[in-house]
Amino acid sequence: MFKKLTSNILMITLIGGCSVSEPTFDSTSEETAEASLQAMFPDISFDDDNLPEGVDIPPAIDALLCNGMKVGFANLDKTKEEIAALVREPFNGMTAADMEEFAVENDYVGCVSNMLEGIKEMEEGLNEMEKAFDEM
């Protein structure tokens, strides 16, 4: 019986040790944060700052970017590095699912898409104004 119990404990330990864990966000530095995002979202390139458009933006990315704007505007007196650390800190150790939950709780889902759409509309309006002035 002792042999069977030991065997079962060993098997559970081996299975537990071999399980694949979900990637988590590491806020330690800009480099670890970028590596974390790449591991969490391997189909998105974060190198060229081009995010997917519209509904293709994962809510976890909405959470990070929109919280970043909120934190950034609230801390204009701090350095760029200090603000970046403050932006990353709440997400430390979170999985993509945790970050998505944060986005839902803070009403950030769709935030980036809405912001980009607003910028596009503003640019179109400015172009129309420029055309109107040129015609005068």
N, C-alpha and C. Protein backbone atom coordinates (compact mmCIF):
# COMPACT_ATOMS: atom_id res chain seq x y z
N MET A 1 0.82 -1.18 0.00
CA MET A 1 0.00 0.00 0.00
C MET A 1 0.88 1.26 0.00
N PHE A 2 1.93 1.26 0.81
CA PHE A 2 2.84 2.41 0.87
C PHE A 2 3.47 2.66 -0.51
N LYS A 3 3.80 1.58 -1.20
CA LYS A 3 4.41 1.69 -2.51
C LYS A 3 3.43 2.31 -3.51
N LYS A 4 2.16 1.91 -3.42
CA LYS A 4 1.14 2.44 -4.32
C LYS A 4 0.89 3.93 -4.02
N LEU A 5 0.83 4.30 -2.75
CA LEU A 5 0.63 5.68 -2.35
C LEU A 5 1.79 6.54 -2.84
N THR A 6 3.01 6.07 -2.66
CA THR A 6 4.20 6.79 -3.12
C THR A 6 4.17 6.95 -4.63
N SER A 7 3.79 5.91 -5.31
CA SER A 7 3.69 5.95 -6.77
C SER A 7 2.66 6.98 -7.23
N ASN A 8 1.52 7.02 -6.56
CA ASN A 8 0.48 7.98 -6.92
C ASN A 8 0.94 9.42 -6.66
N ILE A 9 1.60 9.65 -5.55
CA ILE A 9 2.11 10.99 -5.23
C ILE A 9 3.14 11.42 -6.26
N LEU A 10 4.03 10.51 -6.63
CA LEU A 10 5.04 10.80 -7.63
C LEU A 10 4.38 11.13 -8.97
N MET A 11 3.36 10.38 -9.35
CA MET A 11 2.68 10.62 -10.62
C MET A 11 1.99 11.98 -10.62
N ILE A 12 1.33 12.32 -9.52
CA ILE A 12 0.67 13.63 -9.42
C ILE A 12 1.69 14.75 -9.51
N THR A 13 2.82 14.57 -8.85
CA THR A 13 3.88 15.58 -8.89
C THR A 13 4.42 15.75 -10.31
N LEU A 14 4.64 14.65 -11.00
CA LEU A 14 5.15 14.71 -12.36
C LEU A 14 4.15 15.38 -13.30
N ILE A 15 2.89 15.01 -13.18
CA ILE A 15 1.87 15.59 -14.04
C ILE A 15 1.73 17.09 -13.75
N GLY A 16 1.72 17.44 -12.48
CA GLY A 16 1.63 18.85 -12.10
C GLY A 16 2.81 19.64 -12.60
N GLY A 17 3.99 19.07 -12.53
CA GLY A 17 5.19 19.75 -12.98
C GLY A 17 5.28 19.88 -14.47
N CYS A 18 4.59 19.03 -15.21
CA CYS A 18 4.64 19.06 -16.67
C CYS A 18 3.49 19.84 -17.28
N SER A 19 2.60 20.33 -16.46
CA SER A 19 1.46 21.04 -17.02
C SER A 19 1.92 22.35 -17.64
N VAL A 20 1.24 22.75 -18.69
CA VAL A 20 1.57 23.97 -19.39
C VAL A 20 0.77 25.11 -18.75
N SER A 21 1.48 26.10 -18.29
CA SER A 21 0.79 27.23 -17.67
C SER A 21 0.60 28.34 -18.69
N GLU A 22 -0.41 29.12 -18.47
CA GLU A 22 -0.73 30.24 -19.35
C GLU A 22 0.29 31.35 -19.12
N PRO A 23 0.74 32.02 -20.18
CA PRO A 23 1.70 33.11 -20.00
C PRO A 23 1.09 34.24 -19.16
N THR A 24 1.93 34.88 -18.38
CA THR A 24 1.47 36.00 -17.57
C THR A 24 2.28 37.25 -17.91
N PHE A 25 1.73 38.38 -17.56
CA PHE A 25 2.36 39.66 -17.84
C PHE A 25 3.41 39.95 -16.77
N ASP A 26 4.61 40.27 -17.21
CA ASP A 26 5.71 40.60 -16.31
C ASP A 26 6.00 42.09 -16.44
N SER A 27 5.67 42.85 -15.40
CA SER A 27 5.80 44.30 -15.47
C SER A 27 7.16 44.81 -14.99
N THR A 28 8.11 43.92 -14.79
CA THR A 28 9.41 44.29 -14.24
C THR A 28 10.09 45.40 -15.04
N SER A 29 10.05 45.30 -16.35
CA SER A 29 10.69 46.30 -17.21
C SER A 29 9.94 46.37 -18.53
N GLU A 30 10.31 47.35 -19.34
CA GLU A 30 9.70 47.49 -20.67
C GLU A 30 9.97 46.23 -21.50
N GLU A 31 11.18 45.70 -21.38
CA GLU A 31 11.55 44.52 -22.15
C GLU A 31 10.75 43.28 -21.74
N THR A 32 10.59 43.08 -20.42
CA THR A 32 9.84 41.90 -19.97
C THR A 32 8.35 42.07 -20.29
N ALA A 33 7.87 43.30 -20.25
CA ALA A 33 6.47 43.54 -20.60
C ALA A 33 6.21 43.22 -22.07
N GLU A 34 7.13 43.66 -22.93
CA GLU A 34 6.98 43.38 -24.36
C GLU A 34 7.08 41.88 -24.64
N ALA A 35 8.01 41.21 -23.99
CA ALA A 35 8.15 39.77 -24.16
C ALA A 35 6.90 39.04 -23.66
N SER A 36 6.34 39.52 -22.58
CA SER A 36 5.11 38.93 -22.04
C SER A 36 3.96 39.06 -23.04
N LEU A 37 3.81 40.25 -23.59
CA LEU A 37 2.73 40.47 -24.56
C LEU A 37 2.92 39.59 -25.79
N GLN A 38 4.15 39.44 -26.23
CA GLN A 38 4.41 38.60 -27.40
C GLN A 38 4.08 37.14 -27.09
N ALA A 39 4.35 36.69 -25.88
CA ALA A 39 4.02 35.32 -25.48
C ALA A 39 2.51 35.14 -25.34
N MET A 40 1.84 36.17 -24.84
CA MET A 40 0.40 36.09 -24.64
C MET A 40 -0.37 36.18 -25.96
N PHE A 41 0.17 36.97 -26.89
CA PHE A 41 -0.49 37.21 -28.18
C PHE A 41 0.51 37.01 -29.32
N PRO A 42 0.87 35.76 -29.61
CA PRO A 42 1.90 35.50 -30.61
C PRO A 42 1.53 35.93 -32.03
N ASP A 43 0.24 36.13 -32.30
CA ASP A 43 -0.18 36.52 -33.64
C ASP A 43 -0.18 38.03 -33.87
N ILE A 44 0.16 38.79 -32.84
CA ILE A 44 0.18 40.25 -32.96
C ILE A 44 1.63 40.72 -32.89
N SER A 45 2.00 41.60 -33.82
CA SER A 45 3.34 42.17 -33.80
C SER A 45 3.32 43.45 -32.98
N PHE A 46 4.10 43.48 -31.93
CA PHE A 46 4.19 44.67 -31.09
C PHE A 46 5.42 45.50 -31.43
N ASP A 47 6.22 45.02 -32.39
CA ASP A 47 7.45 45.72 -32.76
C ASP A 47 7.19 47.03 -33.50
N ASP A 48 6.16 47.03 -34.36
CA ASP A 48 5.95 48.20 -35.21
C ASP A 48 4.76 49.06 -34.76
N ASP A 49 4.27 48.81 -33.56
CA ASP A 49 3.16 49.58 -32.99
C ASP A 49 1.89 49.51 -33.83
N ASN A 50 1.76 48.53 -34.71
CA ASN A 50 0.56 48.36 -35.50
C ASN A 50 -0.30 47.29 -34.86
N LEU A 51 -1.40 47.72 -34.25
CA LEU A 51 -2.33 46.79 -33.63
C LEU A 51 -3.39 46.40 -34.65
N PRO A 52 -4.06 45.26 -34.41
CA PRO A 52 -5.18 44.91 -35.28
C PRO A 52 -6.24 46.00 -35.20
N GLU A 53 -7.04 46.09 -36.24
CA GLU A 53 -8.06 47.13 -36.27
C GLU A 53 -9.40 46.63 -35.75
N GLY A 54 -10.21 47.57 -35.30
CA GLY A 54 -11.59 47.29 -34.93
C GLY A 54 -11.74 46.27 -33.84
N VAL A 55 -12.65 45.35 -34.05
CA VAL A 55 -12.99 44.36 -33.03
C VAL A 55 -11.90 43.32 -32.83
N ASP A 56 -10.84 43.36 -33.66
CA ASP A 56 -9.76 42.39 -33.54
C ASP A 56 -8.79 42.71 -32.41
N ILE A 57 -8.94 43.85 -31.78
CA ILE A 57 -8.06 44.21 -30.68
C ILE A 57 -8.50 43.43 -29.44
N PRO A 58 -7.63 42.58 -28.90
CA PRO A 58 -8.01 41.82 -27.70
C PRO A 58 -8.32 42.75 -26.53
N PRO A 59 -9.35 42.42 -25.75
CA PRO A 59 -9.69 43.26 -24.59
C PRO A 59 -8.51 43.46 -23.63
N ALA A 60 -7.61 42.50 -23.55
CA ALA A 60 -6.45 42.66 -22.68
C ALA A 60 -5.57 43.82 -23.15
N ILE A 61 -5.47 44.00 -24.46
CA ILE A 61 -4.70 45.12 -25.01
C ILE A 61 -5.45 46.43 -24.75
N ASP A 62 -6.79 46.40 -24.89
CA ASP A 62 -7.58 47.57 -24.52
C ASP A 62 -7.28 47.97 -23.08
N ALA A 63 -7.25 46.98 -22.20
CA ALA A 63 -7.00 47.26 -20.78
C ALA A 63 -5.66 47.95 -20.59
N LEU A 64 -4.64 47.41 -21.19
CA LEU A 64 -3.29 47.95 -21.02
C LEU A 64 -3.17 49.36 -21.60
N LEU A 65 -3.63 49.55 -22.83
CA LEU A 65 -3.48 50.85 -23.48
C LEU A 65 -4.37 51.93 -22.88
N CYS A 66 -5.61 51.58 -22.60
CA CYS A 66 -6.53 52.60 -22.07
C CYS A 66 -6.22 52.94 -20.63
N ASN A 67 -5.81 51.95 -19.85
CA ASN A 67 -5.35 52.26 -18.50
C ASN A 67 -4.08 53.11 -18.57
N GLY A 68 -3.26 52.85 -19.58
CA GLY A 68 -2.06 53.65 -19.78
C GLY A 68 -2.37 55.11 -20.03
N MET A 69 -3.40 55.38 -20.83
CA MET A 69 -3.78 56.77 -21.07
C MET A 69 -4.29 57.41 -19.79
N LYS A 70 -5.10 56.68 -19.03
CA LYS A 70 -5.64 57.21 -17.78
C LYS A 70 -4.50 57.52 -16.80
N VAL A 71 -3.59 56.58 -16.64
CA VAL A 71 -2.46 56.77 -15.71
C VAL A 71 -1.54 57.88 -16.22
N GLY A 72 -1.30 57.91 -17.52
CA GLY A 72 -0.42 58.93 -18.09
C GLY A 72 -0.93 60.34 -17.86
N PHE A 73 -2.21 60.56 -18.12
CA PHE A 73 -2.78 61.90 -17.92
C PHE A 73 -2.84 62.28 -16.45
N ALA A 74 -2.97 61.30 -15.58
CA ALA A 74 -3.04 61.58 -14.15
C ALA A 74 -1.66 61.82 -13.54
N ASN A 75 -0.60 61.54 -14.29
CA ASN A 75 0.76 61.65 -13.75
C ASN A 75 1.69 62.44 -14.67
N LEU A 76 1.21 63.53 -15.20
CA LEU A 76 2.00 64.34 -16.12
C LEU A 76 3.27 64.92 -15.49
N ASP A 77 3.30 64.95 -14.17
CA ASP A 77 4.46 65.48 -13.47
C ASP A 77 5.60 64.47 -13.34
N LYS A 78 5.37 63.24 -13.76
CA LYS A 78 6.38 62.18 -13.63
C LYS A 78 7.14 62.00 -14.94
N THR A 79 8.28 61.31 -14.86
CA THR A 79 9.07 61.03 -16.06
C THR A 79 8.38 59.94 -16.88
N LYS A 80 8.81 59.83 -18.11
CA LYS A 80 8.27 58.81 -19.02
C LYS A 80 8.45 57.40 -18.43
N GLU A 81 9.60 57.14 -17.84
CA GLU A 81 9.90 55.84 -17.26
C GLU A 81 9.02 55.55 -16.05
N GLU A 82 8.81 56.59 -15.22
CA GLU A 82 7.95 56.42 -14.04
C GLU A 82 6.51 56.12 -14.45
N ILE A 83 6.04 56.84 -15.47
CA ILE A 83 4.68 56.61 -15.95
C ILE A 83 4.55 55.20 -16.52
N ALA A 84 5.54 54.78 -17.31
CA ALA A 84 5.49 53.44 -17.90
C ALA A 84 5.43 52.37 -16.82
N ALA A 85 6.18 52.54 -15.75
CA ALA A 85 6.16 51.57 -14.65
C ALA A 85 4.79 51.57 -13.97
N LEU A 86 4.21 52.75 -13.79
CA LEU A 86 2.88 52.84 -13.18
C LEU A 86 1.81 52.20 -14.06
N VAL A 87 1.96 52.32 -15.36
CA VAL A 87 1.01 51.73 -16.30
C VAL A 87 1.09 50.21 -16.24
N ARG A 88 2.30 49.67 -16.20
CA ARG A 88 2.49 48.22 -16.22
C ARG A 88 2.13 47.55 -14.89
N GLU A 89 2.36 48.23 -13.79
CA GLU A 89 2.27 47.62 -12.46
C GLU A 89 0.97 46.88 -12.15
N PRO A 90 -0.22 47.43 -12.44
CA PRO A 90 -1.45 46.72 -12.06
C PRO A 90 -1.63 45.38 -12.76
N PHE A 91 -0.94 45.17 -13.86
CA PHE A 91 -1.11 43.97 -14.66
C PHE A 91 -0.08 42.88 -14.33
N ASN A 92 0.85 43.17 -13.44
CA ASN A 92 1.90 42.21 -13.13
C ASN A 92 1.31 40.88 -12.67
N GLY A 93 1.73 39.81 -13.32
CA GLY A 93 1.29 38.47 -12.96
C GLY A 93 -0.05 38.06 -13.55
N MET A 94 -0.70 38.97 -14.27
CA MET A 94 -2.01 38.65 -14.85
C MET A 94 -1.87 37.84 -16.14
N THR A 95 -2.84 36.97 -16.36
CA THR A 95 -2.95 36.28 -17.64
C THR A 95 -3.77 37.17 -18.57
N ALA A 96 -3.86 36.79 -19.84
CA ALA A 96 -4.69 37.55 -20.78
C ALA A 96 -6.14 37.57 -20.30
N ALA A 97 -6.61 36.47 -19.74
CA ALA A 97 -7.98 36.42 -19.22
C ALA A 97 -8.17 37.38 -18.04
N ASP A 98 -7.17 37.47 -17.17
CA ASP A 98 -7.22 38.42 -16.05
C ASP A 98 -7.27 39.86 -16.57
N MET A 99 -6.47 40.14 -17.59
CA MET A 99 -6.42 41.48 -18.16
C MET A 99 -7.75 41.80 -18.84
N GLU A 100 -8.35 40.80 -19.47
CA GLU A 100 -9.66 41.00 -20.10
C GLU A 100 -10.71 41.33 -19.03
N GLU A 101 -10.65 40.62 -17.92
CA GLU A 101 -11.57 40.90 -16.81
C GLU A 101 -11.38 42.34 -16.31
N PHE A 102 -10.13 42.77 -16.22
CA PHE A 102 -9.81 44.15 -15.83
C PHE A 102 -10.45 45.13 -16.82
N ALA A 103 -10.36 44.81 -18.12
CA ALA A 103 -10.94 45.67 -19.16
C ALA A 103 -12.45 45.78 -18.99
N VAL A 104 -13.09 44.66 -18.72
CA VAL A 104 -14.54 44.66 -18.53
C VAL A 104 -14.92 45.47 -17.30
N GLU A 105 -14.22 45.22 -16.19
CA GLU A 105 -14.51 45.91 -14.93
C GLU A 105 -14.33 47.42 -15.04
N ASN A 106 -13.40 47.87 -15.87
CA ASN A 106 -13.10 49.29 -16.00
C ASN A 106 -13.69 49.92 -17.26
N ASP A 107 -14.56 49.19 -17.94
CA ASP A 107 -15.23 49.66 -19.15
C ASP A 107 -14.23 50.09 -20.22
N TYR A 108 -13.17 49.30 -20.40
CA TYR A 108 -12.15 49.58 -21.40
C TYR A 108 -12.33 48.78 -22.69
N VAL A 109 -13.24 47.83 -22.72
CA VAL A 109 -13.41 47.01 -23.93
C VAL A 109 -13.88 47.91 -25.07
N GLY A 110 -13.14 47.90 -26.16
CA GLY A 110 -13.45 48.74 -27.31
C GLY A 110 -12.86 50.14 -27.23
N CYS A 111 -12.17 50.44 -26.17
CA CYS A 111 -11.61 51.77 -25.94
C CYS A 111 -10.65 52.19 -27.05
N VAL A 112 -9.74 51.31 -27.43
CA VAL A 112 -8.75 51.65 -28.45
C VAL A 112 -9.43 51.85 -29.80
N SER A 113 -10.35 50.96 -30.15
CA SER A 113 -11.07 51.08 -31.42
C SER A 113 -11.84 52.39 -31.47
N ASN A 114 -12.51 52.73 -30.37
CA ASN A 114 -13.28 53.98 -30.32
C ASN A 114 -12.36 55.19 -30.45
N MET A 115 -11.21 55.14 -29.81
CA MET A 115 -10.26 56.24 -29.89
C MET A 115 -9.74 56.38 -31.32
N LEU A 116 -9.38 55.27 -31.95
CA LEU A 116 -8.87 55.33 -33.32
C LEU A 116 -9.94 55.83 -34.29
N GLU A 117 -11.18 55.42 -34.08
CA GLU A 117 -12.28 55.90 -34.91
C GLU A 117 -12.47 57.40 -34.73
N GLY A 118 -12.38 57.88 -33.49
CA GLY A 118 -12.49 59.31 -33.23
C GLY A 118 -11.38 60.11 -33.89
N ILE A 119 -10.17 59.60 -33.87
CA ILE A 119 -9.04 60.27 -34.52
C ILE A 119 -9.27 60.32 -36.03
N LYS A 120 -9.76 59.22 -36.58
CA LYS A 120 -10.03 59.17 -38.02
C LYS A 120 -11.09 60.20 -38.40
N GLU A 121 -12.15 60.29 -37.62
CA GLU A 121 -13.21 61.26 -37.89
C GLU A 121 -12.69 62.69 -37.76
N MET A 122 -11.83 62.93 -36.78
CA MET A 122 -11.25 64.26 -36.60
C MET A 122 -10.38 64.63 -37.80
N GLU A 123 -9.58 63.68 -38.29
CA GLU A 123 -8.73 63.93 -39.46
C GLU A 123 -9.58 64.24 -40.68
N GLU A 124 -10.68 63.50 -40.85
CA GLU A 124 -11.57 63.75 -41.99
C GLU A 124 -12.19 65.14 -41.88
N GLY A 125 -12.58 65.53 -40.69
CA GLY A 125 -13.14 66.86 -40.48
C GLY A 125 -12.14 67.95 -40.76
N LEU A 126 -10.90 67.75 -40.33
CA LEU A 126 -9.86 68.73 -40.59
C LEU A 126 -9.57 68.84 -42.09
N ASN A 127 -9.59 67.70 -42.78
CA ASN A 127 -9.39 67.72 -44.23
C ASN A 127 -10.51 68.48 -44.93
N GLU A 128 -11.75 68.30 -44.49
CA GLU A 128 -12.88 69.03 -45.07
C GLU A 128 -12.75 70.53 -44.81
N MET A 129 -12.32 70.88 -43.61
CA MET A 129 -12.12 72.30 -43.30
C MET A 129 -11.04 72.91 -44.18
N GLU A 130 -9.95 72.15 -44.38
CA GLU A 130 -8.87 72.64 -45.22
C GLU A 130 -9.34 72.86 -46.65
N LYS A 131 -10.15 71.94 -47.16
CA LYS A 131 -10.70 72.09 -48.52
C LYS A 131 -11.59 73.32 -48.60
N ALA A 132 -12.41 73.54 -47.56
CA ALA A 132 -13.31 74.69 -47.56
C ALA A 132 -12.51 75.99 -47.55
N PHE A 133 -11.44 76.07 -46.80
CA PHE A 133 -10.61 77.27 -46.77
C PHE A 133 -9.88 77.48 -48.09
N ASP A 134 -9.48 76.38 -48.73
CA ASP A 134 -8.80 76.49 -50.02
C ASP A 134 -9.74 77.03 -51.09
N GLU A 135 -11.02 76.73 -50.98
CA GLU A 135 -11.99 77.18 -51.98
C GLU A 135 -12.38 78.64 -51.78
N MET A 136 -12.05 79.19 -50.65
CA MET A 136 -12.42 80.60 -50.37
C MET A 136 -11.55 81.53 -51.11
